[in-house]
Amino acid sequence: MKLNFKSYHYVFLSILLLSGCASVADRNPNDPYESYNRSMFKFNEKADRYVMRPIAKGYEKITPRPVKIAVHNFFDNFRDAVSMGSNLLRGEVGKAGYDFMRVAVNTTFGLGGLINVADEAGLPSHKTTLGDTFASWGWKKSHYFVYPLTGPSTVRDSIGSTLTSVYPIEKLAIHDKIARYATTGLKAVDTRAQFLPLTDTLEKTDTMDKYAYVRDFYMSKRNHDLGVSQKIEGDADIDELMESDTSNSLDSNIESVNPDPTPKPSATPKMQKKAKSQFAPSNSSARFIDESANDLSVFSRQIWQYEAEN
């Protein structure tokens, strides 16, 4: 199983989120619509628990793997067509050209997109969305927004998703209304099935605010994809931490080569007791960190597996 940089980045983000789990009660500046978002998050959870997840699990259980791959390839071919339009709007003519070739090859030689011939032919994929296009036009920072039924998004990306839903690319290829509705339903099931390993792991996570966890993870990933900084006041800057750690390592190396001949006074028992009480974590904090680290470790492995297979 080959792991790409994107997979390692997801795991890195998961570890970073440990520092924010203890302060989820603080208001997040990226989430001004938190009251609505939390309500919609609960609604989506119930709809998923009683409708989408059982259907997706049944689909995964009874559908042969070759059929599932063919269905996913079919909808992925439409995503390449949407990406072609998005890349053209961004002025990325070269990437749009590759998208066009992928659609042409998969549609012609891949039985209407059921077989992913483009990947086998070495044609690169440059999938983008209308949300990416809006970001390239200058709307890089956007507030978190929970979209009905589909889940985490931003205001910017939600507008793009709404436009592609109102004017679906499938409408150009599937003219019968009933067939188009059936295709839309199958697409939703296929998408939900792709995320079953991740959501099943998240469902077992009881040590943190799930809403805040999903929000922070999604926003970190989305902003990284767009190259947007998401530093919030009070957060530690990873570059500063790395610089400080490197500086301390250099200082210790210098001291080992040129030790200071002047003896330094040792800490008194009173000073040692004060330092221990100041820096030692409480039992509840230590337990929270251990449980969260274990949950994130499992979640990260699921992410690696999902990214490696897609």
C-alpha atoms as a PDB file:
ATOM      1  CA  MET A   1       0.000   0.000   0.000  1.00  0.00           C
ATOM      2  CA  LYS A   2       1.553   3.273  -1.143  1.00  0.00           C
ATOM      3  CA  LEU A   3       1.062   6.332   1.086  1.00  0.00           C
ATOM      4  CA  ASN A   4       1.263   9.771  -0.506  1.00  0.00           C
ATOM      5  CA  PHE A   5       2.079  13.137   1.063  1.00  0.00           C
ATOM      6  CA  LYS A   6      -1.615  13.894   1.410  1.00  0.00           C
ATOM      7  CA  SER A   7      -2.092  10.868   3.672  1.00  0.00           C
ATOM      8  CA  TYR A   8       0.760  11.912   5.960  1.00  0.00           C
ATOM      9  CA  HIS A   9      -0.678  15.415   6.097  1.00  0.00           C
ATOM     10  CA  TYR A  10      -4.030  14.069   7.303  1.00  0.00           C
ATOM     11  CA  VAL A  11      -2.310  12.207  10.116  1.00  0.00           C
ATOM     12  CA  PHE A  12      -0.287  15.304  11.005  1.00  0.00           C
ATOM     13  CA  LEU A  13      -3.497  17.339  11.184  1.00  0.00           C
ATOM     14  CA  SER A  14      -5.063  14.712  13.423  1.00  0.00           C
ATOM     15  CA  ILE A  15      -2.192  14.996  15.879  1.00  0.00           C
ATOM     16  CA  LEU A  16      -2.338  18.790  15.851  1.00  0.00           C
ATOM     17  CA  LEU A  17      -6.031  18.685  16.709  1.00  0.00           C
ATOM     18  CA  LEU A  18      -5.158  17.189  20.097  1.00  0.00           C
ATOM     19  CA  SER A  19      -4.125  20.651  21.234  1.00  0.00           C
ATOM     20  CA  GLY A  20      -7.529  22.051  20.381  1.00  0.00           C
ATOM     21  CA  CYS A  21      -9.761  19.302  21.768  1.00  0.00           C
ATOM     22  CA  ALA A  22      -9.581  20.586  25.330  1.00  0.00           C
ATOM     23  CA  SER A  23     -10.807  24.035  24.322  1.00  0.00           C
ATOM     24  CA  VAL A  24     -13.691  23.175  22.011  1.00  0.00           C
ATOM     25  CA  ALA A  25     -16.013  25.266  24.148  1.00  0.00           C
ATOM     26  CA  ASP A  26     -14.199  28.430  22.970  1.00  0.00           C
ATOM     27  CA  ARG A  27     -15.902  30.232  20.122  1.00  0.00           C
ATOM     28  CA  ASN A  28     -14.210  29.563  16.809  1.00  0.00           C
ATOM     29  CA  PRO A  29     -13.839  32.636  14.561  1.00  0.00           C
ATOM     30  CA  ASN A  30     -14.233  30.385  11.506  1.00  0.00           C
ATOM     31  CA  ASP A  31     -17.679  29.285  12.706  1.00  0.00           C
ATOM     32  CA  PRO A  32     -19.957  32.327  13.231  1.00  0.00           C
ATOM     33  CA  TYR A  33     -23.018  30.217  12.349  1.00  0.00           C
ATOM     34  CA  GLU A  34     -22.279  27.626  15.024  1.00  0.00           C
ATOM     35  CA  SER A  35     -25.818  27.543  16.415  1.00  0.00           C
ATOM     36  CA  TYR A  36     -27.303  26.670  13.021  1.00  0.00           C
ATOM     37  CA  ASN A  37     -24.403  24.386  12.146  1.00  0.00           C
ATOM     38  CA  ARG A  38     -24.752  22.328  15.320  1.00  0.00           C
ATOM     39  CA  SER A  39     -28.489  21.927  14.745  1.00  0.00           C
ATOM     40  CA  MET A  40     -27.915  20.827  11.144  1.00  0.00           C
ATOM     41  CA  PHE A  41     -25.087  18.536  12.273  1.00  0.00           C
ATOM     42  CA  LYS A  42     -27.494  16.753  14.650  1.00  0.00           C
ATOM     43  CA  PHE A  43     -30.113  16.500  11.909  1.00  0.00           C
ATOM     44  CA  ASN A  44     -27.561  15.074   9.474  1.00  0.00           C
ATOM     45  CA  GLU A  45     -26.375  12.576  12.088  1.00  0.00           C
ATOM     46  CA  LYS A  46     -29.907  11.269  12.625  1.00  0.00           C
ATOM     47  CA  ALA A  47     -30.625  11.125   8.898  1.00  0.00           C
ATOM     48  CA  ASP A  48     -27.366   9.285   8.362  1.00  0.00           C
ATOM     49  CA  ARG A  49     -27.896   6.886  11.262  1.00  0.00           C
ATOM     50  CA  TYR A  50     -31.376   5.813  10.226  1.00  0.00           C
ATOM     51  CA  VAL A  51     -31.231   6.162   6.436  1.00  0.00           C
ATOM     52  CA  MET A  52     -27.918   6.669   4.635  1.00  0.00           C
ATOM     53  CA  ARG A  53     -25.606   4.527   6.738  1.00  0.00           C
ATOM     54  CA  PRO A  54     -27.828   1.407   6.738  1.00  0.00           C
ATOM     55  CA  ILE A  55     -28.293   1.732   2.975  1.00  0.00           C
ATOM     56  CA  ALA A  56     -24.551   2.246   2.433  1.00  0.00           C
ATOM     57  CA  LYS A  57     -23.688  -0.732   4.646  1.00  0.00           C
ATOM     58  CA  GLY A  58     -26.177  -2.912   2.777  1.00  0.00           C
ATOM     59  CA  TYR A  59     -24.739  -1.722  -0.529  1.00  0.00           C
ATOM     60  CA  GLU A  60     -21.221  -2.564   0.643  1.00  0.00           C
ATOM     61  CA  LYS A  61     -22.293  -5.989   1.872  1.00  0.00           C
ATOM     62  CA  ILE A  62     -24.291  -7.300  -1.080  1.00  0.00           C
ATOM     63  CA  THR A  63     -22.640  -5.559  -4.040  1.00  0.00           C
ATOM     64  CA  PRO A  64     -19.700  -7.372  -5.673  1.00  0.00           C
ATOM     65  CA  ARG A  65     -16.465  -5.399  -5.596  1.00  0.00           C
ATOM     66  CA  PRO A  66     -16.151  -5.133  -9.429  1.00  0.00           C
ATOM     67  CA  VAL A  67     -19.628  -3.602  -9.575  1.00  0.00           C
ATOM     68  CA  LYS A  68     -18.801  -1.090  -6.823  1.00  0.00           C
ATOM     69  CA  ILE A  69     -15.617  -0.091  -8.642  1.00  0.00           C
ATOM     70  CA  ALA A  70     -17.527   0.340 -11.903  1.00  0.00           C
ATOM     71  CA  VAL A  71     -20.186   2.500 -10.207  1.00  0.00           C
ATOM     72  CA  HIS A  72     -17.542   4.674  -8.579  1.00  0.00           C
ATOM     73  CA  ASN A  73     -15.678   5.045 -11.885  1.00  0.00           C
ATOM     74  CA  PHE A  74     -18.924   6.038 -13.606  1.00  0.00           C
ATOM     75  CA  PHE A  75     -19.524   8.959 -11.249  1.00  0.00           C
ATOM     76  CA  ASP A  76     -15.829   9.828 -11.158  1.00  0.00           C
ATOM     77  CA  ASN A  77     -16.042  10.352 -14.914  1.00  0.00           C
ATOM     78  CA  PHE A  78     -18.719  13.007 -14.354  1.00  0.00           C
ATOM     79  CA  ARG A  79     -16.495  14.633 -11.726  1.00  0.00           C
ATOM     80  CA  ASP A  80     -13.774  14.956 -14.353  1.00  0.00           C
ATOM     81  CA  ALA A  81     -16.279  16.734 -16.602  1.00  0.00           C
ATOM     82  CA  VAL A  82     -17.169  19.180 -13.802  1.00  0.00           C
ATOM     83  CA  SER A  83     -13.470  19.637 -13.121  1.00  0.00           C
ATOM     84  CA  MET A  84     -12.879  20.520 -16.767  1.00  0.00           C
ATOM     85  CA  GLY A  85     -15.351  23.402 -16.508  1.00  0.00           C
ATOM     86  CA  SER A  86     -13.898  24.557 -13.197  1.00  0.00           C
ATOM     87  CA  ASN A  87     -10.347  24.536 -14.545  1.00  0.00           C
ATOM     88  CA  LEU A  88     -11.441  26.518 -17.607  1.00  0.00           C
ATOM     89  CA  LEU A  89     -13.034  29.142 -15.342  1.00  0.00           C
ATOM     90  CA  ARG A  90      -9.762  29.307 -13.413  1.00  0.00           C
ATOM     91  CA  GLY A  91      -7.766  29.795 -16.589  1.00  0.00           C
ATOM     92  CA  GLU A  92      -6.012  26.433 -16.168  1.00  0.00           C
ATOM     93  CA  VAL A  93      -6.291  25.439 -19.820  1.00  0.00           C
ATOM     94  CA  GLY A  94      -3.691  22.679 -19.581  1.00  0.00           C
ATOM     95  CA  LYS A  95      -5.425  20.969 -16.658  1.00  0.00           C
ATOM     96  CA  ALA A  96      -8.793  21.382 -18.376  1.00  0.00           C
ATOM     97  CA  GLY A  97      -7.294  19.663 -21.425  1.00  0.00           C
ATOM     98  CA  TYR A  98      -6.253  16.669 -19.336  1.00  0.00           C
ATOM     99  CA  ASP A  99      -9.741  16.542 -17.809  1.00  0.00           C
ATOM    100  CA  PHE A 100     -11.245  16.522 -21.299  1.00  0.00           C
ATOM    101  CA  MET A 101      -8.936  13.707 -22.420  1.00  0.00           C
ATOM    102  CA  ARG A 102      -9.809  11.666 -19.325  1.00  0.00           C
ATOM    103  CA  VAL A 103     -13.541  12.038 -20.004  1.00  0.00           C
ATOM    104  CA  ALA A 104     -13.097  11.228 -23.696  1.00  0.00           C
ATOM    105  CA  VAL A 105     -10.940   8.149 -23.068  1.00  0.00           C
ATOM    106  CA  ASN A 106     -13.051   6.752 -20.227  1.00  0.00           C
ATOM    107  CA  THR A 107     -16.334   7.378 -22.034  1.00  0.00           C
ATOM    108  CA  THR A 108     -15.157   5.931 -25.353  1.00  0.00           C
ATOM    109  CA  PHE A 109     -12.945   3.038 -24.290  1.00  0.00           C
ATOM    110  CA  GLY A 110     -14.182   2.535 -20.733  1.00  0.00           C
ATOM    111  CA  LEU A 111     -17.785   1.594 -21.518  1.00  0.00           C
ATOM    112  CA  GLY A 112     -19.231   4.983 -20.677  1.00  0.00           C
ATOM    113  CA  GLY A 113     -16.909   5.527 -17.735  1.00  0.00           C
ATOM    114  CA  LEU A 114     -17.389   2.183 -16.002  1.00  0.00           C
ATOM    115  CA  ILE A 115     -13.690   1.373 -16.500  1.00  0.00           C
ATOM    116  CA  ASN A 116     -11.013   3.882 -15.565  1.00  0.00           C
ATOM    117  CA  VAL A 117      -8.855   3.614 -18.670  1.00  0.00           C
ATOM    118  CA  ALA A 118      -7.396   7.107 -18.160  1.00  0.00           C
ATOM    119  CA  ASP A 119      -5.486   6.100 -15.033  1.00  0.00           C
ATOM    120  CA  GLU A 120      -4.077   3.045 -16.778  1.00  0.00           C
ATOM    121  CA  ALA A 121      -3.026   5.285 -19.679  1.00  0.00           C
ATOM    122  CA  GLY A 122      -1.199   7.616 -17.289  1.00  0.00           C
ATOM    123  CA  LEU A 123      -3.429  10.660 -17.778  1.00  0.00           C
ATOM    124  CA  PRO A 124      -3.116  12.838 -14.646  1.00  0.00           C
ATOM    125  CA  SER A 125      -6.193  13.831 -12.678  1.00  0.00           C
ATOM    126  CA  HIS A 126      -6.650  17.505 -11.736  1.00  0.00           C
ATOM    127  CA  LYS A 127     -10.043  17.406 -10.072  1.00  0.00           C
ATOM    128  CA  THR A 128     -11.366  20.760  -8.902  1.00  0.00           C
ATOM    129  CA  THR A 129     -14.765  22.101  -7.888  1.00  0.00           C
ATOM    130  CA  LEU A 130     -16.561  25.412  -8.264  1.00  0.00           C
ATOM    131  CA  GLY A 131     -15.533  26.126  -4.689  1.00  0.00           C
ATOM    132  CA  ASP A 132     -11.896  25.852  -5.784  1.00  0.00           C
ATOM    133  CA  THR A 133     -12.670  28.203  -8.668  1.00  0.00           C
ATOM    134  CA  PHE A 134     -14.186  30.817  -6.347  1.00  0.00           C
ATOM    135  CA  ALA A 135     -11.097  30.506  -4.137  1.00  0.00           C
ATOM    136  CA  SER A 136      -8.810  31.073  -7.132  1.00  0.00           C
ATOM    137  CA  TRP A 137     -10.737  34.265  -7.871  1.00  0.00           C
ATOM    138  CA  GLY A 138      -9.871  35.615  -4.425  1.00  0.00           C
ATOM    139  CA  TRP A 139     -12.476  34.151  -2.074  1.00  0.00           C
ATOM    140  CA  LYS A 140      -9.948  32.046  -0.182  1.00  0.00           C
ATOM    141  CA  LYS A 141     -11.229  32.373   3.377  1.00  0.00           C
ATOM    142  CA  SER A 142     -14.791  31.263   3.991  1.00  0.00           C
ATOM    143  CA  HIS A 143     -16.756  30.431   7.119  1.00  0.00           C
ATOM    144  CA  TYR A 144     -17.677  26.894   8.076  1.00  0.00           C
ATOM    145  CA  PHE A 145     -21.132  25.793   6.983  1.00  0.00           C
ATOM    146  CA  VAL A 146     -22.917  22.467   7.489  1.00  0.00           C
ATOM    147  CA  TYR A 147     -24.805  21.638   4.309  1.00  0.00           C
ATOM    148  CA  PRO A 148     -28.104  19.746   4.730  1.00  0.00           C
ATOM    149  CA  LEU A 149     -27.589  15.975   4.335  1.00  0.00           C
ATOM    150  CA  THR A 150     -24.160  16.241   2.679  1.00  0.00           C
ATOM    151  CA  GLY A 151     -22.302  17.503   5.756  1.00  0.00           C
ATOM    152  CA  PRO A 152     -19.279  19.770   6.374  1.00  0.00           C
ATOM    153  CA  SER A 153     -18.602  22.557   3.906  1.00  0.00           C
ATOM    154  CA  THR A 154     -18.012  26.305   3.749  1.00  0.00           C
ATOM    155  CA  VAL A 155     -20.238  29.129   2.534  1.00  0.00           C
ATOM    156  CA  ARG A 156     -18.097  29.383  -0.611  1.00  0.00           C
ATOM    157  CA  ASP A 157     -18.106  25.652  -1.339  1.00  0.00           C
ATOM    158  CA  SER A 158     -21.830  25.370  -0.547  1.00  0.00           C
ATOM    159  CA  ILE A 159     -22.642  27.884  -3.268  1.00  0.00           C
ATOM    160  CA  GLY A 160     -20.590  25.834  -5.721  1.00  0.00           C
ATOM    161  CA  SER A 161     -22.277  22.599  -4.616  1.00  0.00           C
ATOM    162  CA  THR A 162     -25.711  24.177  -4.962  1.00  0.00           C
ATOM    163  CA  LEU A 163     -24.979  25.346  -8.504  1.00  0.00           C
ATOM    164  CA  THR A 164     -23.750  21.913  -9.591  1.00  0.00           C
ATOM    165  CA  SER A 165     -26.819  20.329  -7.954  1.00  0.00           C
ATOM    166  CA  VAL A 166     -29.271  22.659  -9.680  1.00  0.00           C
ATOM    167  CA  TYR A 167     -27.493  22.250 -13.018  1.00  0.00           C
ATOM    168  CA  PRO A 168     -26.055  18.706 -12.795  1.00  0.00           C
ATOM    169  CA  ILE A 169     -23.665  17.535 -15.474  1.00  0.00           C
ATOM    170  CA  GLU A 170     -25.540  14.206 -15.500  1.00  0.00           C
ATOM    171  CA  LYS A 171     -28.497  15.998 -17.075  1.00  0.00           C
ATOM    172  CA  LEU A 172     -26.559  16.283 -20.338  1.00  0.00           C
ATOM    173  CA  ALA A 173     -26.063  12.521 -20.538  1.00  0.00           C
ATOM    174  CA  ILE A 174     -29.214  11.176 -18.847  1.00  0.00           C
ATOM    175  CA  HIS A 175     -32.366  12.709 -20.300  1.00  0.00           C
ATOM    176  CA  ASP A 176     -34.997  10.571 -18.588  1.00  0.00           C
ATOM    177  CA  LYS A 177     -36.047  12.251 -15.335  1.00  0.00           C
ATOM    178  CA  ILE A 178     -36.682   9.028 -13.401  1.00  0.00           C
ATOM    179  CA  ALA A 179     -33.353   7.570 -14.497  1.00  0.00           C
ATOM    180  CA  ARG A 180     -31.636  10.797 -13.465  1.00  0.00           C
ATOM    181  CA  TYR A 181     -33.214  10.680 -10.000  1.00  0.00           C
ATOM    182  CA  ALA A 182     -32.150   7.048  -9.635  1.00  0.00           C
ATOM    183  CA  THR A 183     -28.629   7.991 -10.700  1.00  0.00           C
ATOM    184  CA  THR A 184     -28.534  10.796  -8.127  1.00  0.00           C
ATOM    185  CA  GLY A 185     -29.588   8.362  -5.398  1.00  0.00           C
ATOM    186  CA  LEU A 186     -26.964   5.812  -6.424  1.00  0.00           C
ATOM    187  CA  LYS A 187     -24.340   8.552  -6.444  1.00  0.00           C
ATOM    188  CA  ALA A 188     -25.249   9.487  -2.863  1.00  0.00           C
ATOM    189  CA  VAL A 189     -24.979   5.849  -1.768  1.00  0.00           C
ATOM    190  CA  ASP A 190     -21.617   5.436  -3.516  1.00  0.00           C
ATOM    191  CA  THR A 191     -20.259   8.589  -1.878  1.00  0.00           C
ATOM    192  CA  ARG A 192     -21.510   7.535   1.559  1.00  0.00           C
ATOM    193  CA  ALA A 193     -20.031   4.059   1.180  1.00  0.00           C
ATOM    194  CA  GLN A 194     -16.602   5.547   0.461  1.00  0.00           C
ATOM    195  CA  PHE A 195     -16.557   7.171   3.910  1.00  0.00           C
ATOM    196  CA  LEU A 196     -17.875   4.253   5.957  1.00  0.00           C
ATOM    197  CA  PRO A 197     -14.481   3.334   7.495  1.00  0.00           C
ATOM    198  CA  LEU A 198     -13.872   6.929   8.598  1.00  0.00           C
ATOM    199  CA  THR A 199     -17.318   7.597  10.030  1.00  0.00           C
ATOM    200  CA  ASP A 200     -17.458   4.221  11.779  1.00  0.00           C
ATOM    201  CA  THR A 201     -14.235   5.097  13.574  1.00  0.00           C
ATOM    202  CA  LEU A 202     -15.464   8.579  14.418  1.00  0.00           C
ATOM    203  CA  GLU A 203     -18.682   7.100  15.832  1.00  0.00           C
ATOM    204  CA  LYS A 204     -16.621   5.241  18.439  1.00  0.00           C
ATOM    205  CA  THR A 205     -14.967   8.468  19.582  1.00  0.00           C
ATOM    206  CA  ASP A 206     -16.623   9.461  22.872  1.00  0.00           C
ATOM    207  CA  THR A 207     -13.891  11.589  24.427  1.00  0.00           C
ATOM    208  CA  MET A 208     -14.439  14.760  22.420  1.00  0.00           C
ATOM    209  CA  ASP A 209     -16.992  17.060  20.827  1.00  0.00           C
ATOM    210  CA  LYS A 210     -17.658  15.345  17.491  1.00  0.00           C
ATOM    211  CA  TYR A 211     -19.026  18.490  15.889  1.00  0.00           C
ATOM    212  CA  ALA A 212     -15.922  20.518  16.756  1.00  0.00           C
ATOM    213  CA  TYR A 213     -13.649  17.647  15.756  1.00  0.00           C
ATOM    214  CA  VAL A 214     -15.220  17.324  12.298  1.00  0.00           C
ATOM    215  CA  ARG A 215     -15.287  21.103  11.836  1.00  0.00           C
ATOM    216  CA  ASP A 216     -11.640  21.645  12.784  1.00  0.00           C
ATOM    217  CA  PHE A 217     -10.438  18.685  10.742  1.00  0.00           C
ATOM    218  CA  TYR A 218     -12.408  19.744   7.664  1.00  0.00           C
ATOM    219  CA  MET A 219     -11.365  23.406   7.856  1.00  0.00           C
ATOM    220  CA  SER A 220      -7.702  22.499   8.362  1.00  0.00           C
ATOM    221  CA  LYS A 221      -7.746  20.143   5.392  1.00  0.00           C
ATOM    222  CA  ARG A 222      -9.672  22.567   3.157  1.00  0.00           C
ATOM    223  CA  ASN A 223      -7.442  25.517   4.007  1.00  0.00           C
ATOM    224  CA  HIS A 224      -4.339  23.409   3.406  1.00  0.00           C
ATOM    225  CA  ASP A 225      -5.663  22.382  -0.014  1.00  0.00           C
ATOM    226  CA  LEU A 226      -6.136  26.066  -0.888  1.00  0.00           C
ATOM    227  CA  GLY A 227      -2.888  27.235   0.727  1.00  0.00           C
ATOM    228  CA  VAL A 228      -4.711  29.367   3.306  1.00  0.00           C
ATOM    229  CA  SER A 229      -3.282  30.007   6.757  1.00  0.00           C
ATOM    230  CA  GLN A 230      -5.679  29.213   9.587  1.00  0.00           C
ATOM    231  CA  LYS A 231      -3.820  30.464  12.637  1.00  0.00           C
ATOM    232  CA  ILE A 232      -6.159  31.487  15.459  1.00  0.00           C
ATOM    233  CA  GLU A 233      -5.089  33.707  18.330  1.00  0.00           C
ATOM    234  CA  GLY A 234      -3.737  31.538  21.118  1.00  0.00           C
ATOM    235  CA  ASP A 235      -2.746  28.661  18.826  1.00  0.00           C
ATOM    236  CA  ALA A 236       0.864  27.548  18.728  1.00  0.00           C
ATOM    237  CA  ASP A 237       2.722  28.252  15.482  1.00  0.00           C
ATOM    238  CA  ILE A 238       4.334  25.004  14.325  1.00  0.00           C
ATOM    239  CA  ASP A 239       7.173  26.917  12.630  1.00  0.00           C
ATOM    240  CA  GLU A 240       7.925  28.770  15.867  1.00  0.00           C
ATOM    241  CA  LEU A 241       7.872  25.506  17.799  1.00  0.00           C
ATOM    242  CA  MET A 242      10.244  23.873  15.325  1.00  0.00           C
ATOM    243  CA  GLU A 243      12.557  26.888  15.408  1.00  0.00           C
ATOM    244  CA  SER A 244      12.554  26.906  19.197  1.00  0.00           C
ATOM    245  CA  ASP A 245      13.223  23.169  19.339  1.00  0.00           C
ATOM    246  CA  THR A 246      16.101  23.494  16.856  1.00  0.00           C
ATOM    247  CA  SER A 247      17.552  26.409  18.804  1.00  0.00           C
ATOM    248  CA  ASN A 248      17.419  24.443  22.053  1.00  0.00           C
ATOM    249  CA  SER A 249      19.119  21.467  20.394  1.00  0.00           C
ATOM    250  CA  LEU A 250      21.922  23.699  19.079  1.00  0.00           C
ATOM    251  CA  ASP A 251      22.388  25.292  22.487  1.00  0.00           C
ATOM    252  CA  SER A 252      22.668  21.890  24.153  1.00  0.00           C
ATOM    253  CA  ASN A 253      25.218  20.756  21.546  1.00  0.00           C
ATOM    254  CA  ILE A 254      27.315  23.890  22.082  1.00  0.00           C
ATOM    255  CA  GLU A 255      27.240  23.403  25.845  1.00  0.00           C
ATOM    256  CA  SER A 256      28.371  19.789  25.445  1.00  0.00           C
ATOM    257  CA  VAL A 257      31.373  20.916  23.368  1.00  0.00           C
ATOM    258  CA  ASN A 258      32.206  24.019  25.423  1.00  0.00           C
ATOM    259  CA  PRO A 259      30.909  23.406  28.927  1.00  0.00           C
ATOM    260  CA  ASP A 260      30.552  26.459  31.141  1.00  0.00           C
ATOM    261  CA  PRO A 261      33.297  26.287  33.814  1.00  0.00           C
ATOM    262  CA  THR A 262      31.167  28.307  36.211  1.00  0.00           C
ATOM    263  CA  PRO A 263      29.090  25.903  38.299  1.00  0.00           C
ATOM    264  CA  LYS A 264      25.369  26.624  38.328  1.00  0.00           C
ATOM    265  CA  PRO A 265      23.433  26.461  41.585  1.00  0.00           C
ATOM    266  CA  SER A 266      21.323  23.345  41.832  1.00  0.00           C
ATOM    267  CA  ALA A 267      17.611  23.647  42.352  1.00  0.00           C
ATOM    268  CA  THR A 268      16.460  23.581  45.934  1.00  0.00           C
ATOM    269  CA  PRO A 269      13.810  21.061  47.013  1.00  0.00           C
ATOM    270  CA  LYS A 270      11.319  23.930  47.179  1.00  0.00           C
ATOM    271  CA  MET A 271      12.075  24.948  43.579  1.00  0.00           C
ATOM    272  CA  GLN A 272      11.820  21.341  42.382  1.00  0.00           C
ATOM    273  CA  LYS A 273       8.449  20.899  44.054  1.00  0.00           C
ATOM    274  CA  LYS A 274       7.173  24.134  42.484  1.00  0.00           C
ATOM    275  CA  ALA A 275       8.354  23.094  39.017  1.00  0.00           C
ATOM    276  CA  LYS A 276       6.768  19.664  39.354  1.00  0.00           C
ATOM    277  CA  SER A 277       3.421  21.073  40.405  1.00  0.00           C
ATOM    278  CA  GLN A 278       3.548  23.659  37.608  1.00  0.00           C
ATOM    279  CA  PHE A 279       4.280  21.342  34.707  1.00  0.00           C
ATOM    280  CA  ALA A 280       2.866  17.963  35.740  1.00  0.00           C
ATOM    281  CA  PRO A 281      -0.477  17.282  34.036  1.00  0.00           C
ATOM    282  CA  SER A 282      -3.517  16.476  36.102  1.00  0.00           C
ATOM    283  CA  ASN A 283      -4.918  12.939  36.072  1.00  0.00           C
ATOM    284  CA  SER A 284      -7.930  14.031  34.021  1.00  0.00           C
ATOM    285  CA  SER A 285      -5.740  15.843  31.472  1.00  0.00           C
ATOM    286  CA  ALA A 286      -3.402  12.880  31.134  1.00  0.00           C
ATOM    287  CA  ARG A 287      -6.327  10.497  30.690  1.00  0.00           C
ATOM    288  CA  PHE A 288      -7.902  12.791  28.064  1.00  0.00           C
ATOM    289  CA  ILE A 289      -4.644  13.004  26.105  1.00  0.00           C
ATOM    290  CA  ASP A 290      -4.133   9.227  26.209  1.00  0.00           C
ATOM    291  CA  GLU A 291      -7.687   8.470  25.064  1.00  0.00           C
ATOM    292  CA  SER A 292      -7.605  11.137  22.351  1.00  0.00           C
ATOM    293  CA  ALA A 293      -4.243   9.953  21.065  1.00  0.00           C
ATOM    294  CA  ASN A 294      -5.582   6.395  20.818  1.00  0.00           C
ATOM    295  CA  ASP A 295      -8.717   7.555  18.954  1.00  0.00           C
ATOM    296  CA  LEU A 296      -6.674   9.680  16.576  1.00  0.00           C
ATOM    297  CA  SER A 297      -4.266   6.830  15.939  1.00  0.00           C
ATOM    298  CA  VAL A 298      -7.122   4.579  14.823  1.00  0.00           C
ATOM    299  CA  PHE A 299      -8.730   7.402  12.826  1.00  0.00           C
ATOM    300  CA  SER A 300      -5.418   8.176  11.100  1.00  0.00           C
ATOM    301  CA  ARG A 301      -4.932   4.556  10.041  1.00  0.00           C
ATOM    302  CA  GLN A 302      -8.390   4.604   8.477  1.00  0.00           C
ATOM    303  CA  ILE A 303      -7.476   7.797   6.613  1.00  0.00           C
ATOM    304  CA  TRP A 304      -4.270   6.208   5.307  1.00  0.00           C
ATOM    305  CA  GLN A 305      -6.235   3.228   4.054  1.00  0.00           C
ATOM    306  CA  TYR A 306      -8.904   5.386   2.401  1.00  0.00           C
ATOM    307  CA  GLU A 307      -6.363   7.670   0.696  1.00  0.00           C
ATOM    308  CA  ALA A 308      -4.228   4.764  -0.478  1.00  0.00           C
ATOM    309  CA  GLU A 309      -7.202   3.040  -2.106  1.00  0.00           C
ATOM    310  CA  ASN A 310      -8.501   6.197  -3.821  1.00  0.00           C
END
